[in-house]
Amino acid sequence: MALDVPVLLLALFFSLSVSGNAQSKVPAIYVFGDSSADVGNNNYLPDIAKANCLPYGIDFPHSRPTGRYTNGYNGIDFFARQMGLRMSPPPYLSLPKNTSNRVGVNYASGGSGILDSTGPNTITMTKQIKYFATTNKSNIVLSKSIFLISTGANDIIAFVPNNMTPINTQIERFCNTLISNYTKHIEALYNLGARKFGIIDIGPVGCCPFARRLSNHSGACFNVMNDLAVGVNDAVKTMLSNLSSTLKGMKYSLGSYYAAVSNMIANPEAAGFKDVQSACCGGKSSADCTPTATYCENRNEYLFWDAIHATQRTYEEAVLDIYSGSPPFVTPINFKQLVKE
């Protein structure tokens, strides 16, 4: 199947970044989170959904499925490129023990959440941090390295089916539990040497094709999920402000994936999207994105790749908003400023 011109140019862009003389702006990038950040760790885990077969990766160089839950590159790849790395940090489980890696490591695992109970068969957030603690970080200046975290959507996806119309006390308890655990994760990384945090908040998960199917079959965004995402995101914003005032030397940038994607949904033409509701792979049916699934030809015009995850194009647009942007897309400083701090 022929690739369109933008996809070919993007592949060329990344191939040049790997082979060229790009100068890294940071010592290393360490990545934690879920399938929005996973670049292949789940390929090494048994009994868990993987993205290691086509059509996943159809727009990656050589149409190679890598374990990224999208048609090509994900957001972490674009952040790495913006930060001057020649390639995105490799998945932790692909590395030999005691490997000294000069670009960082990606510990993210699809299906994981802020809560370890959200994805017990994944690399939980607690385990991701333990893996970081045992990683050979010799010759790496951790205080100037960037710690990227993208997590929380799966916690909402796990919570809602049993709480389709949650009452305020349930919502408050859920949010408090998430923030309590998130705080512990940030503090654990800080105690291991992390100082510069790039946090990506939860997107409008209620607008993904999977959630739209739960919205009384109307096809509209499922507002229960979106309201939870907004509530958690607001609490994370407060949490980070509080932590930065008590943890000496901590700096952070909070990127709003929620604002970036919501803007694309509200103004699809501005970003060149023609479909912001259905999945490119699996279409408007309830089918999963499997090796036998049909998928769209015009992938750059779709916001969603499968029932939950975004297309490469969506990630690229969101990263541009967050890396060099301003509120509402990122606060209190953008990622570019965080790198320079």
Protein backbone atom coordinates (compact mmCIF):
# COMPACT_ATOMS: atom_id res chain seq x y z
CA MET A 1 0.00 0.00 0.00
CA ALA A 2 1.50 3.34 -1.02
CA LEU A 3 2.31 5.93 1.63
CA ASP A 4 1.21 9.52 1.07
CA VAL A 5 3.76 12.31 0.70
CA PRO A 6 3.49 13.72 4.28
CA VAL A 7 4.18 10.26 5.72
CA LEU A 8 7.19 9.79 3.45
CA LEU A 9 8.57 13.18 4.43
CA LEU A 10 8.07 12.38 8.10
CA ALA A 11 9.91 9.08 7.75
CA LEU A 12 12.76 10.89 5.98
CA PHE A 13 12.79 13.53 8.70
CA PHE A 14 13.26 10.93 11.43
CA SER A 15 15.77 8.85 9.48
CA LEU A 16 17.91 11.94 9.06
CA SER A 17 17.63 12.69 12.75
CA VAL A 18 18.99 9.25 13.55
CA SER A 19 21.92 9.38 11.16
CA GLY A 20 22.67 13.09 11.29
CA ASN A 21 24.57 15.22 13.75
CA ALA A 22 21.69 16.44 15.86
CA GLN A 23 22.91 17.92 19.12
CA SER A 24 21.02 16.73 22.18
CA LYS A 25 19.71 19.55 24.36
CA VAL A 26 19.46 17.29 27.43
CA PRO A 27 21.73 14.59 28.92
CA ALA A 28 18.96 11.98 28.74
CA ILE A 29 15.21 11.41 28.70
CA TYR A 30 13.55 8.91 31.03
CA VAL A 31 9.98 7.96 30.14
CA PHE A 32 7.23 6.55 32.36
CA GLY A 33 3.58 5.86 31.70
CA ASP A 34 1.08 3.93 29.62
CA SER A 35 0.43 3.06 25.96
CA SER A 36 0.63 6.72 24.95
CA ALA A 37 4.35 6.48 25.80
CA ASP A 38 5.20 2.77 25.33
CA VAL A 39 7.72 2.17 22.53
CA GLY A 40 7.91 -1.60 22.84
CA ASN A 41 8.11 -2.79 26.45
CA ASN A 42 4.87 -4.75 26.21
CA ASN A 43 6.38 -6.83 23.40
CA TYR A 44 8.37 -8.60 26.12
CA LEU A 45 5.43 -9.30 28.44
CA PRO A 46 3.24 -12.41 28.32
CA ASP A 47 -0.55 -12.38 28.45
CA ILE A 48 -1.09 -8.74 27.55
CA ALA A 49 -2.37 -6.88 24.50
CA LYS A 50 0.50 -5.87 22.24
CA ALA A 51 0.93 -3.62 19.22
CA ASN A 52 3.67 -5.65 17.58
CA CYS A 53 1.88 -6.64 14.39
CA LEU A 54 0.59 -4.76 11.37
CA PRO A 55 -1.29 -2.57 10.77
CA TYR A 56 0.30 -1.03 13.88
CA GLY A 57 3.46 0.63 12.64
CA ILE A 58 2.24 0.82 9.05
CA ASP A 59 3.71 4.35 8.77
CA PHE A 60 6.86 3.64 10.78
CA PRO A 61 9.99 3.37 8.60
CA HIS A 62 9.84 0.13 6.58
CA SER A 63 6.25 -0.33 7.84
CA ARG A 64 7.66 -2.00 10.93
CA PRO A 65 5.43 -2.60 13.98
CA THR A 66 7.48 -1.69 17.04
CA GLY A 67 5.04 -1.99 19.91
CA ARG A 68 3.88 1.62 19.63
CA TYR A 69 0.11 1.81 19.88
CA THR A 70 -0.34 3.88 16.75
CA ASN A 71 0.30 3.82 13.01
CA GLY A 72 3.82 5.25 13.29
CA TYR A 73 5.60 7.45 15.81
CA ASN A 74 4.05 8.39 19.15
CA GLY A 75 4.30 11.54 21.22
CA ILE A 76 7.47 10.48 23.01
CA ASP A 77 9.26 10.21 19.66
CA PHE A 78 8.28 13.77 18.78
CA PHE A 79 9.31 15.09 22.20
CA ALA A 80 12.68 13.35 21.85
CA ARG A 81 13.19 14.93 18.43
CA GLN A 82 12.34 18.39 19.77
CA MET A 83 14.89 17.88 22.55
CA GLY A 84 17.60 17.10 20.03
CA LEU A 85 17.91 13.36 20.56
CA ARG A 86 18.78 11.32 17.50
CA MET A 87 16.26 8.69 18.48
CA SER A 88 13.61 8.04 21.10
CA PRO A 89 14.97 6.28 24.22
CA PRO A 90 14.74 2.47 23.85
CA PRO A 91 12.32 0.28 25.80
CA TYR A 92 13.83 -0.92 29.07
CA LEU A 93 13.01 -4.59 28.51
CA SER A 94 14.94 -4.60 25.23
CA LEU A 95 18.22 -3.68 26.93
CA PRO A 96 20.83 -6.11 28.29
CA LYS A 97 21.32 -5.84 32.04
CA ASN A 98 23.64 -3.09 33.26
CA THR A 99 23.61 -1.40 29.87
CA SER A 100 24.83 2.19 30.07
CA ASN A 101 22.52 4.14 27.78
CA ARG A 102 23.41 7.65 26.70
CA VAL A 103 20.00 8.85 25.54
CA GLY A 104 17.85 7.58 28.40
CA VAL A 105 15.39 4.73 28.79
CA ASN A 106 11.68 4.24 28.23
CA TYR A 107 9.91 2.25 30.99
CA ALA A 108 6.32 2.92 29.87
CA SER A 109 3.92 0.00 29.55
CA GLY A 110 0.61 -0.03 27.71
CA GLY A 111 -2.31 -0.70 30.05
CA SER A 112 -0.61 0.62 33.17
CA GLY A 113 -1.94 3.47 35.26
CA ILE A 114 -1.25 5.70 38.20
CA LEU A 115 -2.64 2.90 40.35
CA ASP A 116 -0.78 -0.40 40.22
CA SER A 117 -4.15 -2.19 40.38
CA THR A 118 -5.16 -0.65 37.03
CA GLY A 119 -2.79 -2.84 35.01
CA PRO A 120 -1.51 -5.66 37.22
CA ASN A 121 -0.07 -7.63 34.28
CA THR A 122 1.78 -4.62 32.89
CA ILE A 123 4.90 -2.90 34.12
CA THR A 124 3.13 -0.96 36.85
CA MET A 125 4.24 2.56 37.68
CA THR A 126 5.83 1.32 40.88
CA LYS A 127 7.77 -1.29 38.94
CA GLN A 128 8.76 1.24 36.27
CA ILE A 129 10.34 3.38 38.97
CA LYS A 130 12.08 0.34 40.47
CA TYR A 131 13.51 -0.45 37.05
CA PHE A 132 14.80 3.11 36.82
CA ALA A 133 16.44 2.74 40.23
CA THR A 134 18.43 -0.27 38.96
CA THR A 135 19.34 1.27 35.59
CA ASN A 136 22.99 2.04 34.95
CA LYS A 137 23.01 5.84 34.86
CA SER A 138 26.76 6.37 34.95
CA ASN A 139 27.96 9.57 33.28
CA ILE A 140 24.38 10.92 33.14
CA VAL A 141 23.59 14.24 34.83
CA LEU A 142 20.18 13.36 36.24
CA SER A 143 19.42 16.85 37.52
CA LYS A 144 19.45 18.15 33.93
CA SER A 145 17.76 15.13 32.36
CA ILE A 146 14.06 15.21 31.50
CA PHE A 147 11.59 12.83 33.15
CA LEU A 148 8.52 12.44 30.94
CA ILE A 149 5.35 10.98 32.45
CA SER A 150 2.13 10.24 30.56
CA THR A 151 -0.40 8.28 32.60
CA GLY A 152 -3.90 8.29 34.09
CA ALA A 153 -6.25 7.50 31.20
CA ASN A 154 -6.35 3.78 31.98
CA ASP A 155 -7.32 4.50 35.58
CA ILE A 156 -10.42 6.28 34.30
CA ILE A 157 -11.16 3.56 31.74
CA ALA A 158 -10.96 0.96 34.53
CA PHE A 159 -13.09 3.01 36.94
CA VAL A 160 -16.02 4.05 34.77
CA PRO A 161 -17.55 0.68 33.68
CA ASN A 162 -18.36 -0.04 37.33
CA ASN A 163 -19.37 3.57 38.01
CA MET A 164 -21.31 4.73 34.96
CA THR A 165 -23.04 7.47 36.95
CA PRO A 166 -20.69 8.06 39.88
CA ILE A 167 -21.82 10.21 42.78
CA ASN A 168 -19.66 13.02 44.13
CA THR A 169 -18.25 11.00 47.02
CA GLN A 170 -17.10 8.26 44.63
CA ILE A 171 -15.47 10.80 42.34
CA GLU A 172 -13.74 12.55 45.23
CA ARG A 173 -12.44 9.27 46.64
CA PHE A 174 -11.20 8.17 43.21
CA CYS A 175 -9.40 11.45 42.51
CA ASN A 176 -7.85 11.56 45.98
CA THR A 177 -6.54 8.02 45.57
CA LEU A 178 -5.01 8.84 42.19
CA ILE A 179 -3.34 12.02 43.43
CA SER A 180 -2.02 10.34 46.56
CA ASN A 181 -0.37 7.65 44.45
CA TYR A 182 0.83 10.10 41.79
CA THR A 183 2.47 12.19 44.51
CA LYS A 184 4.33 9.13 45.79
CA HIS A 185 5.58 8.35 42.27
CA ILE A 186 6.91 11.88 41.77
CA GLU A 187 8.55 11.88 45.19
CA ALA A 188 10.14 8.48 44.53
CA LEU A 189 11.67 9.74 41.28
CA TYR A 190 12.82 12.93 42.97
CA ASN A 191 14.55 10.90 45.68
CA LEU A 192 16.33 8.96 42.92
CA GLY A 193 17.72 12.16 41.40
CA ALA A 194 14.98 13.46 39.10
CA ARG A 195 14.56 17.23 39.08
CA LYS A 196 13.00 18.22 35.75
CA PHE A 197 9.57 16.73 35.09
CA GLY A 198 7.61 16.93 31.84
CA ILE A 199 4.09 15.79 32.72
CA ILE A 200 1.45 15.11 30.07
CA ASP A 201 -2.08 15.20 31.44
CA ILE A 202 -5.02 12.95 30.56
CA GLY A 203 -6.65 13.62 27.21
CA PRO A 204 -10.41 13.77 26.52
CA VAL A 205 -10.66 10.01 26.87
CA GLY A 206 -14.44 10.26 26.70
CA CYS A 207 -14.17 11.24 23.04
CA CYS A 208 -12.21 8.21 21.84
CA PRO A 209 -14.19 5.71 19.72
CA PHE A 210 -14.28 3.18 22.58
CA ALA A 211 -15.89 5.70 24.95
CA ARG A 212 -18.31 7.03 22.34
CA ARG A 213 -19.78 3.52 22.15
CA LEU A 214 -20.64 3.79 25.85
CA SER A 215 -22.49 7.08 25.39
CA ASN A 216 -25.97 5.57 25.03
CA HIS A 217 -25.05 4.57 21.48
CA SER A 218 -25.45 8.20 20.41
CA GLY A 219 -21.86 8.52 19.23
CA ALA A 220 -21.31 11.63 21.33
CA CYS A 221 -18.39 12.05 23.70
CA PHE A 222 -18.93 10.22 26.99
CA ASN A 223 -18.92 13.15 29.40
CA VAL A 224 -18.57 11.03 32.54
CA MET A 225 -15.06 10.10 31.42
CA ASN A 226 -14.19 13.61 30.27
CA ASP A 227 -15.40 15.15 33.52
CA LEU A 228 -13.22 12.72 35.46
CA ALA A 229 -10.24 13.58 33.26
CA VAL A 230 -10.75 17.31 33.89
CA GLY A 231 -11.06 16.71 37.63
CA VAL A 232 -7.90 14.62 37.80
CA ASN A 233 -6.00 17.05 35.58
CA ASP A 234 -6.94 19.98 37.84
CA ALA A 235 -5.79 18.00 40.87
CA VAL A 236 -2.50 17.11 39.16
CA LYS A 237 -1.92 20.79 38.43
CA THR A 238 -2.35 21.62 42.12
CA MET A 239 -0.21 18.64 43.15
CA LEU A 240 2.70 19.72 40.98
CA SER A 241 2.54 23.30 42.23
CA ASN A 242 2.61 22.08 45.83
CA LEU A 243 5.44 19.61 45.23
CA SER A 244 7.61 22.17 43.45
CA SER A 245 7.34 24.45 46.47
CA THR A 246 8.49 21.74 48.87
CA LEU A 247 10.97 19.67 46.83
CA LYS A 248 14.12 21.74 46.46
CA GLY A 249 15.24 22.15 42.85
CA MET A 250 12.17 20.51 41.31
CA LYS A 251 11.06 22.08 38.03
CA TYR A 252 8.15 21.00 35.89
CA SER A 253 6.08 21.66 32.83
CA LEU A 254 2.51 20.37 32.65
CA GLY A 255 1.44 19.71 29.08
CA SER A 256 -2.29 19.61 28.46
CA TYR A 257 -2.96 16.80 26.04
CA TYR A 258 -6.59 17.39 26.98
CA ALA A 259 -6.54 20.96 25.66
CA ALA A 260 -4.55 20.02 22.55
CA VAL A 261 -6.85 17.19 21.48
CA SER A 262 -10.03 19.03 22.46
CA ASN A 263 -8.93 21.88 20.22
CA MET A 264 -8.42 19.46 17.33
CA ILE A 265 -11.88 17.98 17.89
CA ALA A 266 -13.49 21.43 18.02
CA ASN A 267 -11.54 22.76 15.01
CA PRO A 268 -10.64 19.76 12.86
CA GLU A 269 -10.15 21.70 9.63
CA ALA A 270 -7.43 23.87 11.18
CA ALA A 271 -5.32 20.77 11.79
CA GLY A 272 -6.31 19.10 8.52
CA PHE A 273 -8.50 16.40 10.06
CA LYS A 274 -11.61 15.07 8.33
CA ASP A 275 -12.61 12.48 10.94
CA VAL A 276 -12.24 13.13 14.68
CA GLN A 277 -14.74 10.52 15.88
CA SER A 278 -14.09 7.10 14.40
CA ALA A 279 -11.01 4.90 14.37
CA CYS A 280 -8.86 4.64 11.27
CA CYS A 281 -8.17 0.99 12.08
CA GLY A 282 -11.37 -0.91 12.70
CA GLY A 283 -13.49 1.96 11.42
CA LYS A 284 -16.88 2.72 12.86
CA SER A 285 -17.47 -0.89 13.80
CA SER A 286 -16.73 -2.39 17.20
CA ALA A 287 -13.83 -4.34 15.73
CA ASP A 288 -10.38 -4.12 17.26
CA CYS A 289 -7.31 -3.14 15.28
CA THR A 290 -6.13 -6.64 14.43
CA PRO A 291 -3.99 -7.99 11.57
CA THR A 292 -7.19 -8.67 9.62
CA ALA A 293 -8.87 -5.33 10.37
CA THR A 294 -9.51 -2.80 7.64
CA TYR A 295 -7.82 0.57 8.00
CA CYS A 296 -8.11 3.92 6.29
CA GLU A 297 -5.91 5.15 3.46
CA ASN A 298 -5.94 8.80 4.56
CA ARG A 299 -4.40 8.27 7.99
CA ASN A 300 -3.20 11.87 8.32
CA GLU A 301 -6.83 12.97 8.23
CA TYR A 302 -7.87 10.83 11.21
CA LEU A 303 -7.46 11.88 14.84
CA PHE A 304 -7.83 8.34 16.20
CA TRP A 305 -5.86 5.33 15.03
CA ASP A 306 -7.73 2.62 16.93
CA ALA A 307 -10.57 2.61 19.46
CA ILE A 308 -8.43 4.32 22.12
CA HIS A 309 -5.17 5.61 20.68
CA ALA A 310 -4.35 8.58 18.50
CA THR A 311 -2.70 8.64 15.09
CA GLN A 312 0.88 9.69 14.53
CA ARG A 313 -0.42 12.97 13.11
CA THR A 314 -2.37 13.73 16.29
CA TYR A 315 0.67 13.14 18.47
CA GLU A 316 2.77 15.39 16.26
CA GLU A 317 0.26 18.24 16.48
CA ALA A 318 -0.14 17.86 20.26
CA VAL A 319 3.61 17.88 20.87
CA LEU A 320 3.99 21.10 18.88
CA ASP A 321 1.33 22.73 21.09
CA ILE A 322 2.96 21.51 24.29
CA TYR A 323 6.66 21.82 23.53
CA SER A 324 6.78 25.46 22.42
CA GLY A 325 3.27 26.60 23.25
CA SER A 326 1.54 28.57 25.97
CA PRO A 327 -1.61 28.20 28.10
CA PRO A 328 -4.01 26.46 27.79
CA PHE A 329 -1.70 23.91 26.16
CA VAL A 330 1.09 24.01 28.73
CA THR A 331 1.82 25.59 32.12
CA PRO A 332 3.61 27.17 34.04
CA ILE A 333 6.39 27.00 31.41
CA ASN A 334 6.53 25.02 28.19
CA PHE A 335 8.74 22.01 27.59
CA LYS A 336 11.22 24.04 25.57
CA GLN A 337 11.73 26.35 28.53
CA LEU A 338 12.00 23.37 30.88
CA VAL A 339 14.84 21.98 28.78
CA LYS A 340 16.68 25.30 28.99
CA GLU A 341 16.18 25.71 32.76
